[in-house]
C-alpha atoms as a PDB file:
ATOM      1  CA  UNK A   1     -63.364  11.668   1.255  1.00  0.00           C
ATOM      2  CA  UNK A   2     -62.395   8.178   2.960  1.00  0.00           C
ATOM      3  CA  UNK A   3     -59.355   7.712   5.154  1.00  0.00           C
ATOM      4  CA  UNK A   4     -58.763   4.794   3.375  1.00  0.00           C
ATOM      5  CA  UNK A   5     -58.152   6.920   0.609  1.00  0.00           C
ATOM      6  CA  UNK A   6     -55.662   9.331   1.834  1.00  0.00           C
ATOM      7  CA  UNK A   7     -51.960   9.434   1.611  1.00  0.00           C
ATOM      8  CA  UNK A   8     -49.464   9.845   3.955  1.00  0.00           C
ATOM      9  CA  UNK A   9     -46.269  10.641   3.592  1.00  0.00           C
ATOM     10  CA  UNK A  10     -43.069   9.937   6.166  1.00  0.00           C
ATOM     11  CA  UNK A  11     -42.531  12.828   8.834  1.00  0.00           C
ATOM     12  CA  UNK A  12     -39.267  14.251   9.144  1.00  0.00           C
ATOM     13  CA  UNK A  13     -38.430  13.043  12.236  1.00  0.00           C
ATOM     14  CA  UNK A  14     -39.152   8.783  10.233  1.00  0.00           C
ATOM     15  CA  UNK A  15     -37.167  10.054   7.996  1.00  0.00           C
ATOM     16  CA  UNK A  16     -34.673  10.874  10.374  1.00  0.00           C
ATOM     17  CA  UNK A  17     -34.468   7.753  11.765  1.00  0.00           C
ATOM     18  CA  UNK A  18     -34.483   5.861   8.794  1.00  0.00           C
ATOM     19  CA  UNK A  19     -31.564   7.328   7.801  1.00  0.00           C
ATOM     20  CA  UNK A  20     -29.961   6.464  10.379  1.00  0.00           C
ATOM     21  CA  UNK A  21     -30.646   3.316  10.656  1.00  0.00           C
ATOM     22  CA  UNK A  22     -28.801   3.263   6.861  1.00  0.00           C
ATOM     23  CA  UNK A  23     -25.702   5.377   7.951  1.00  0.00           C
ATOM     24  CA  UNK A  24     -25.558   2.383  10.739  1.00  0.00           C
ATOM     25  CA  UNK A  25     -25.874  -0.475   8.322  1.00  0.00           C
ATOM     26  CA  UNK A  26     -23.298   1.297   6.056  1.00  0.00           C
ATOM     27  CA  UNK A  27     -20.807   1.768   8.456  1.00  0.00           C
ATOM     28  CA  UNK A  28     -21.293  -1.606  10.060  1.00  0.00           C
ATOM     29  CA  UNK A  29     -21.360  -3.244   6.121  1.00  0.00           C
ATOM     30  CA  UNK A  30     -18.546  -1.015   4.229  1.00  0.00           C
ATOM     31  CA  UNK A  31     -15.507  -2.461   6.271  1.00  0.00           C
ATOM     32  CA  UNK A  32     -16.985  -6.230   5.117  1.00  0.00           C
ATOM     33  CA  UNK A  33     -17.613  -5.729   1.960  1.00  0.00           C
ATOM     34  CA  UNK A  34     -14.435  -3.817   1.781  1.00  0.00           C
ATOM     35  CA  UNK A  35     -12.071  -6.839   3.313  1.00  0.00           C
ATOM     36  CA  UNK A  36     -13.733  -9.230   0.806  1.00  0.00           C
ATOM     37  CA  UNK A  37     -12.564  -7.576  -1.719  1.00  0.00           C
ATOM     38  CA  UNK A  38      -8.508  -7.650  -0.427  1.00  0.00           C
ATOM     39  CA  UNK A  39      -9.453 -10.872  -0.495  1.00  0.00           C
ATOM     40  CA  UNK A  40     -10.407 -11.108  -3.870  1.00  0.00           C
ATOM     41  CA  UNK A  41      -7.632  -9.371  -4.473  1.00  0.00           C
ATOM     42  CA  UNK A  42      -5.156 -10.787  -2.110  1.00  0.00           C
ATOM     43  CA  UNK A  43      -6.173 -14.795  -3.606  1.00  0.00           C
ATOM     44  CA  UNK A  44      -5.826 -13.242  -7.395  1.00  0.00           C
ATOM     45  CA  UNK A  45      -2.026 -11.928  -6.477  1.00  0.00           C
ATOM     46  CA  UNK A  46      -1.382 -15.089  -5.328  1.00  0.00           C
ATOM     47  CA  UNK A  47      -2.832 -16.704  -8.121  1.00  0.00           C
ATOM     48  CA  UNK A  48      -0.373 -14.789 -10.559  1.00  0.00           C
ATOM     49  CA  UNK A  49       2.842 -15.140  -8.106  1.00  0.00           C
ATOM     50  CA  UNK A  50       1.715 -18.970  -7.879  1.00  0.00           C
ATOM     51  CA  UNK A  51       1.539 -18.939 -12.307  1.00  0.00           C
ATOM     52  CA  UNK A  52       5.368 -17.234 -12.033  1.00  0.00           C
ATOM     53  CA  UNK A  53       6.779 -19.564  -9.535  1.00  0.00           C
ATOM     54  CA  UNK A  54       5.615 -22.321 -12.377  1.00  0.00           C
ATOM     55  CA  UNK A  55       6.899 -20.365 -15.110  1.00  0.00           C
ATOM     56  CA  UNK A  56      10.437 -19.718 -13.361  1.00  0.00           C
ATOM     57  CA  UNK A  57      10.735 -23.325 -12.815  1.00  0.00           C
ATOM     58  CA  UNK A  58       9.754 -24.512 -16.850  1.00  0.00           C
ATOM     59  CA  UNK A  59      12.819 -21.805 -17.116  1.00  0.00           C
ATOM     60  CA  UNK A  60      15.238 -23.953 -14.721  1.00  0.00           C
ATOM     61  CA  UNK A  61      14.479 -26.774 -16.402  1.00  0.00           C
ATOM     62  CA  UNK A  62      15.095 -25.209 -19.825  1.00  0.00           C
ATOM     63  CA  UNK A  63      18.979 -24.141 -19.486  1.00  0.00           C
ATOM     64  CA  UNK A  64      20.601 -27.000 -17.952  1.00  0.00           C
ATOM     65  CA  UNK A  65      18.934 -26.516 -14.118  1.00  0.00           C
ATOM     66  CA  UNK A  66      20.299 -22.444 -14.082  1.00  0.00           C
ATOM     67  CA  UNK A  67      17.943 -19.642 -13.332  1.00  0.00           C
ATOM     68  CA  UNK A  68      18.877 -16.898 -15.803  1.00  0.00           C
ATOM     69  CA  UNK A  69      21.163 -13.731 -15.927  1.00  0.00           C
ATOM     70  CA  UNK A  70      19.985 -10.792 -17.426  1.00  0.00           C
ATOM     71  CA  UNK A  71      21.502  -8.615 -15.470  1.00  0.00           C
ATOM     72  CA  UNK A  72      22.372  -6.652 -18.876  1.00  0.00           C
ATOM     73  CA  UNK A  73      18.138  -6.468 -18.346  1.00  0.00           C
ATOM     74  CA  UNK A  74      18.680  -4.827 -15.121  1.00  0.00           C
ATOM     75  CA  UNK A  75      20.711  -1.855 -16.600  1.00  0.00           C
ATOM     76  CA  UNK A  76      18.997  -1.206 -19.626  1.00  0.00           C
ATOM     77  CA  UNK A  77      15.585  -1.638 -19.532  1.00  0.00           C
ATOM     78  CA  UNK A  78      12.724   1.755 -19.493  1.00  0.00           C
ATOM     79  CA  UNK A  79      13.915   3.949 -16.718  1.00  0.00           C
ATOM     80  CA  UNK A  80      17.227   2.061 -15.850  1.00  0.00           C
ATOM     81  CA  UNK A  81      19.174   1.358 -12.896  1.00  0.00           C
ATOM     82  CA  UNK A  82      17.950   2.617  -9.593  1.00  0.00           C
ATOM     83  CA  UNK A  83      16.077   5.827 -10.658  1.00  0.00           C
ATOM     84  CA  UNK A  84      15.785   6.711  -6.960  1.00  0.00           C
ATOM     85  CA  UNK A  85      17.406   8.628  -4.076  1.00  0.00           C
ATOM     86  CA  UNK A  86      16.078   7.851  -0.621  1.00  0.00           C
ATOM     87  CA  UNK A  87      15.990   4.076  -1.052  1.00  0.00           C
ATOM     88  CA  UNK A  88      18.144   0.662  -0.148  1.00  0.00           C
ATOM     89  CA  UNK A  89      21.249   0.939  -3.112  1.00  0.00           C
ATOM     90  CA  UNK A  90      19.890  -2.309  -4.611  1.00  0.00           C
ATOM     91  CA  UNK A  91      17.370  -2.781  -7.378  1.00  0.00           C
ATOM     92  CA  UNK A  92      14.826  -5.598  -6.536  1.00  0.00           C
ATOM     93  CA  UNK A  93      12.089  -4.559  -9.465  1.00  0.00           C
ATOM     94  CA  UNK A  94      11.479  -7.545 -11.638  1.00  0.00           C
ATOM     95  CA  UNK A  95      10.335  -6.461 -15.161  1.00  0.00           C
ATOM     96  CA  UNK A  96      13.555  -8.208 -16.635  1.00  0.00           C
ATOM     97  CA  UNK A  97      12.056 -11.712 -15.002  1.00  0.00           C
ATOM     98  CA  UNK A  98       8.654 -11.011 -17.080  1.00  0.00           C
ATOM     99  CA  UNK A  99      10.934 -10.439 -20.060  1.00  0.00           C
ATOM    100  CA  UNK A 100      12.688 -13.509 -19.599  1.00  0.00           C
ATOM    101  CA  UNK A 101       9.379 -15.597 -19.129  1.00  0.00           C
ATOM    102  CA  UNK A 102       7.467 -14.110 -21.689  1.00  0.00           C
ATOM    103  CA  UNK A 103       7.429 -17.453 -23.946  1.00  0.00           C
ATOM    104  CA  UNK A 104       6.112 -19.182 -20.638  1.00  0.00           C
ATOM    105  CA  UNK A 105       3.769 -16.245 -19.600  1.00  0.00           C
ATOM    106  CA  UNK A 106       1.329 -14.824 -21.806  1.00  0.00           C
ATOM    107  CA  UNK A 107      -0.391 -12.301 -20.218  1.00  0.00           C
ATOM    108  CA  UNK A 108       1.387  -9.406 -19.296  1.00  0.00           C
ATOM    109  CA  UNK A 109      -0.665  -8.793 -15.883  1.00  0.00           C
ATOM    110  CA  UNK A 110      -0.140 -11.347 -14.305  1.00  0.00           C
ATOM    111  CA  UNK A 111       3.324  -8.822 -12.793  1.00  0.00           C
ATOM    112  CA  UNK A 112       0.570  -6.292 -11.557  1.00  0.00           C
ATOM    113  CA  UNK A 113      -0.850  -7.150  -8.133  1.00  0.00           C
ATOM    114  CA  UNK A 114      -4.017  -5.732  -8.527  1.00  0.00           C
ATOM    115  CA  UNK A 115      -3.488  -4.224  -4.323  1.00  0.00           C
ATOM    116  CA  UNK A 116      -0.005  -3.020  -5.257  1.00  0.00           C
ATOM    117  CA  UNK A 117      -0.553   0.759  -7.149  1.00  0.00           C
ATOM    118  CA  UNK A 118       0.998   3.445  -5.204  1.00  0.00           C
ATOM    119  CA  UNK A 119       2.470   4.795  -8.500  1.00  0.00           C
ATOM    120  CA  UNK A 120       6.754   5.166  -7.324  1.00  0.00           C
ATOM    121  CA  UNK A 121       9.442   4.628  -8.897  1.00  0.00           C
ATOM    122  CA  UNK A 122      10.097   1.716  -6.924  1.00  0.00           C
ATOM    123  CA  UNK A 123       7.044   0.334  -6.756  1.00  0.00           C
ATOM    124  CA  UNK A 124       6.833  -0.641 -10.461  1.00  0.00           C
ATOM    125  CA  UNK A 125       9.124  -1.146 -13.677  1.00  0.00           C
ATOM    126  CA  UNK A 126       8.138  -1.081 -17.245  1.00  0.00           C
ATOM    127  CA  UNK A 127       9.451  -4.413 -19.434  1.00  0.00           C
ATOM    128  CA  UNK A 128       8.638  -2.623 -22.864  1.00  0.00           C
ATOM    129  CA  UNK A 129       8.796   0.645 -24.470  1.00  0.00           C
ATOM    130  CA  UNK A 130       5.478   1.133 -25.447  1.00  0.00           C
ATOM    131  CA  UNK A 131       3.165   3.692 -24.887  1.00  0.00           C
ATOM    132  CA  UNK A 132       1.003   2.204 -22.845  1.00  0.00           C
ATOM    133  CA  UNK A 133       4.038  -0.216 -21.123  1.00  0.00           C
ATOM    134  CA  UNK A 134       2.602  -2.720 -19.219  1.00  0.00           C
ATOM    135  CA  UNK A 135       4.772  -3.176 -15.902  1.00  0.00           C
ATOM    136  CA  UNK A 136       5.764  -5.149 -13.103  1.00  0.00           C
ATOM    137  CA  UNK A 137       4.619  -4.753  -9.561  1.00  0.00           C
ATOM    138  CA  UNK A 138       7.053  -6.975  -8.136  1.00  0.00           C
ATOM    139  CA  UNK A 139       9.919  -7.153  -5.937  1.00  0.00           C
ATOM    140  CA  UNK A 140      12.617 -10.116  -6.666  1.00  0.00           C
ATOM    141  CA  UNK A 141      15.353  -9.160  -3.730  1.00  0.00           C
ATOM    142  CA  UNK A 142      17.834 -12.759  -5.351  1.00  0.00           C
ATOM    143  CA  UNK A 143      17.878 -10.891  -8.354  1.00  0.00           C
ATOM    144  CA  UNK A 144      18.675  -7.117  -7.380  1.00  0.00           C
ATOM    145  CA  UNK A 145      21.921  -6.558  -8.157  1.00  0.00           C
ATOM    146  CA  UNK A 146      24.018  -6.093 -11.817  1.00  0.00           C
ATOM    147  CA  UNK A 147      27.468  -6.552  -9.704  1.00  0.00           C
ATOM    148  CA  UNK A 148      30.481  -9.139 -11.117  1.00  0.00           C
ATOM    149  CA  UNK A 149      31.109 -11.253  -9.810  1.00  0.00           C
ATOM    150  CA  UNK A 150      27.465 -12.723  -8.884  1.00  0.00           C
ATOM    151  CA  UNK A 151      26.856 -11.848  -4.940  1.00  0.00           C
ATOM    152  CA  UNK A 152      26.205 -14.616  -2.699  1.00  0.00           C
ATOM    153  CA  UNK A 153      23.311 -13.652  -1.863  1.00  0.00           C
ATOM    154  CA  UNK A 154      22.170 -13.433  -5.864  1.00  0.00           C
ATOM    155  CA  UNK A 155      21.003 -15.706  -7.840  1.00  0.00           C
ATOM    156  CA  UNK A 156      22.181 -14.653 -11.247  1.00  0.00           C
ATOM    157  CA  UNK A 157      23.259 -18.301 -13.653  1.00  0.00           C
ATOM    158  CA  UNK A 158      23.167 -20.168 -10.740  1.00  0.00           C
ATOM    159  CA  UNK A 159      21.678 -23.900 -10.124  1.00  0.00           C
ATOM    160  CA  UNK A 160      19.071 -24.077  -7.787  1.00  0.00           C
ATOM    161  CA  UNK A 161      21.215 -26.014  -5.129  1.00  0.00           C
ATOM    162  CA  UNK A 162      24.603 -23.423  -5.854  1.00  0.00           C
ATOM    163  CA  UNK A 163      22.135 -20.608  -5.005  1.00  0.00           C
ATOM    164  CA  UNK A 164      20.662 -22.519  -1.342  1.00  0.00           C
ATOM    165  CA  UNK A 165      24.492 -23.602  -0.575  1.00  0.00           C
ATOM    166  CA  UNK A 166      25.471 -19.399  -1.492  1.00  0.00           C
ATOM    167  CA  UNK A 167      22.869 -17.757   0.839  1.00  0.00           C
ATOM    168  CA  UNK A 168      23.870 -20.330   3.599  1.00  0.00           C
ATOM    169  CA  UNK A 169      27.889 -18.961   2.781  1.00  0.00           C
ATOM    170  CA  UNK A 170      26.579 -15.893   2.929  1.00  0.00           C
ATOM    171  CA  UNK A 171      25.006 -15.449   6.648  1.00  0.00           C
ATOM    172  CA  UNK A 172      22.671 -13.139   6.338  1.00  0.00           C
ATOM    173  CA  UNK A 173      20.539 -12.820   9.143  1.00  0.00           C
ATOM    174  CA  UNK A 174      17.707 -11.791   7.097  1.00  0.00           C
ATOM    175  CA  UNK A 175      17.304 -15.142   5.042  1.00  0.00           C
ATOM    176  CA  UNK A 176      19.490 -17.212   7.454  1.00  0.00           C
ATOM    177  CA  UNK A 177      20.365 -20.997   6.435  1.00  0.00           C
ATOM    178  CA  UNK A 178      17.669 -22.336   4.072  1.00  0.00           C
ATOM    179  CA  UNK A 179      17.599 -26.306   3.791  1.00  0.00           C
ATOM    180  CA  UNK A 180      14.869 -26.617   1.141  1.00  0.00           C
ATOM    181  CA  UNK A 181      13.740 -24.671  -1.734  1.00  0.00           C
ATOM    182  CA  UNK A 182      10.650 -24.347   0.230  1.00  0.00           C
ATOM    183  CA  UNK A 183      12.295 -22.185   2.444  1.00  0.00           C
ATOM    184  CA  UNK A 184      13.642 -19.821  -0.413  1.00  0.00           C
ATOM    185  CA  UNK A 185      11.709 -16.650  -1.379  1.00  0.00           C
ATOM    186  CA  UNK A 186      11.742 -15.961  -4.761  1.00  0.00           C
ATOM    187  CA  UNK A 187       9.615 -12.718  -5.280  1.00  0.00           C
ATOM    188  CA  UNK A 188       7.101 -10.960  -3.267  1.00  0.00           C
ATOM    189  CA  UNK A 189       4.783  -7.612  -3.103  1.00  0.00           C
ATOM    190  CA  UNK A 190       6.501  -4.322  -2.778  1.00  0.00           C
ATOM    191  CA  UNK A 191       6.469  -3.517   1.316  1.00  0.00           C
ATOM    192  CA  UNK A 192       7.876  -1.544   3.355  1.00  0.00           C
ATOM    193  CA  UNK A 193       8.586  -2.441   7.158  1.00  0.00           C
ATOM    194  CA  UNK A 194       8.253   0.646   9.893  1.00  0.00           C
ATOM    195  CA  UNK A 195      11.580  -0.076  10.552  1.00  0.00           C
ATOM    196  CA  UNK A 196      12.966   0.128   6.803  1.00  0.00           C
ATOM    197  CA  UNK A 197      15.454   3.363   6.234  1.00  0.00           C
ATOM    198  CA  UNK A 198      12.571   5.324   4.000  1.00  0.00           C
ATOM    199  CA  UNK A 199       9.847   8.120   4.103  1.00  0.00           C
ATOM    200  CA  UNK A 200       7.900   8.636   7.090  1.00  0.00           C
ATOM    201  CA  UNK A 201       4.691   8.205   4.327  1.00  0.00           C
ATOM    202  CA  UNK A 202       6.205   3.973   3.342  1.00  0.00           C
ATOM    203  CA  UNK A 203       6.880   2.743   6.445  1.00  0.00           C
ATOM    204  CA  UNK A 204       4.620  -0.339   7.485  1.00  0.00           C
ATOM    205  CA  UNK A 205       3.307  -0.183   3.694  1.00  0.00           C
ATOM    206  CA  UNK A 206       2.058  -3.396   2.511  1.00  0.00           C
ATOM    207  CA  UNK A 207      -0.140  -3.578  -0.645  1.00  0.00           C
ATOM    208  CA  UNK A 208      -2.361  -6.869   0.865  1.00  0.00           C
ATOM    209  CA  UNK A 209      -4.360  -4.315   4.106  1.00  0.00           C
ATOM    210  CA  UNK A 210      -1.036  -5.757   6.508  1.00  0.00           C
ATOM    211  CA  UNK A 211       0.679  -8.066   4.600  1.00  0.00           C
ATOM    212  CA  UNK A 212       2.599  -9.453   1.640  1.00  0.00           C
ATOM    213  CA  UNK A 213       1.886 -12.465  -0.268  1.00  0.00           C
ATOM    214  CA  UNK A 214       5.718 -14.162  -0.766  1.00  0.00           C
ATOM    215  CA  UNK A 215       6.927 -16.613  -3.436  1.00  0.00           C
ATOM    216  CA  UNK A 216       9.359 -19.042  -3.305  1.00  0.00           C
ATOM    217  CA  UNK A 217      11.274 -20.819  -5.014  1.00  0.00           C
ATOM    218  CA  UNK A 218       8.936 -24.227  -4.962  1.00  0.00           C
ATOM    219  CA  UNK A 219       6.675 -21.799  -6.301  1.00  0.00           C
ATOM    220  CA  UNK A 220       4.511 -22.354  -2.993  1.00  0.00           C
ATOM    221  CA  UNK A 221       3.212 -18.709  -2.341  1.00  0.00           C
ATOM    222  CA  UNK A 222       2.234 -17.641   1.802  1.00  0.00           C
ATOM    223  CA  UNK A 223       1.213 -14.565   2.803  1.00  0.00           C
ATOM    224  CA  UNK A 224       2.989 -12.605   5.716  1.00  0.00           C
ATOM    225  CA  UNK A 225       2.244  -9.812   7.694  1.00  0.00           C
ATOM    226  CA  UNK A 226       4.117  -6.500   7.905  1.00  0.00           C
ATOM    227  CA  UNK A 227       5.458  -5.038  11.282  1.00  0.00           C
END
């Protein structure tokens, strides 16, 4: 038999070299693929928020320039108001808004950030009682109280101008003194700064690798790193 007809296989050393090369390439490319996937999710989340912001603006226009006042929904949605213990004494979840804006937003999945999948009660809220109910995974700090009268830092039933004036009067250092709708946060991804008074496993949590998307009253969305 001629040498040309002899089939030569890989040696053990050659196989090990190939496997080592594949392992090195995987180690290099996996973070790149992971980053690309997360950037796509962050873009989807940003698009969701923008659509919610546009719908919120339409609601205000259709209701005598006033924001919704559905403090009743804060207490009546599945799971109730503040179904947790080790968490601030307000409820920033936005299931109520998914109901109020349902006339303007026909897709329930707009309320679920594709990266915000942590399964904790303070991180999600069902807005129907169906078996496979849709959930909201965004927070709205300016609609986080069910108190009466409405606190300075909450927007229930207020005009945009009145809400901004109240934030300035309230003098909350975390809010500052906004002068326009472009400086007032309406909705955000759930997040926990490292200084938050929460479980140690939650400190520093952000859904998008190291940050969160924020929707402002003028409907623009901004990404912010979480410290």
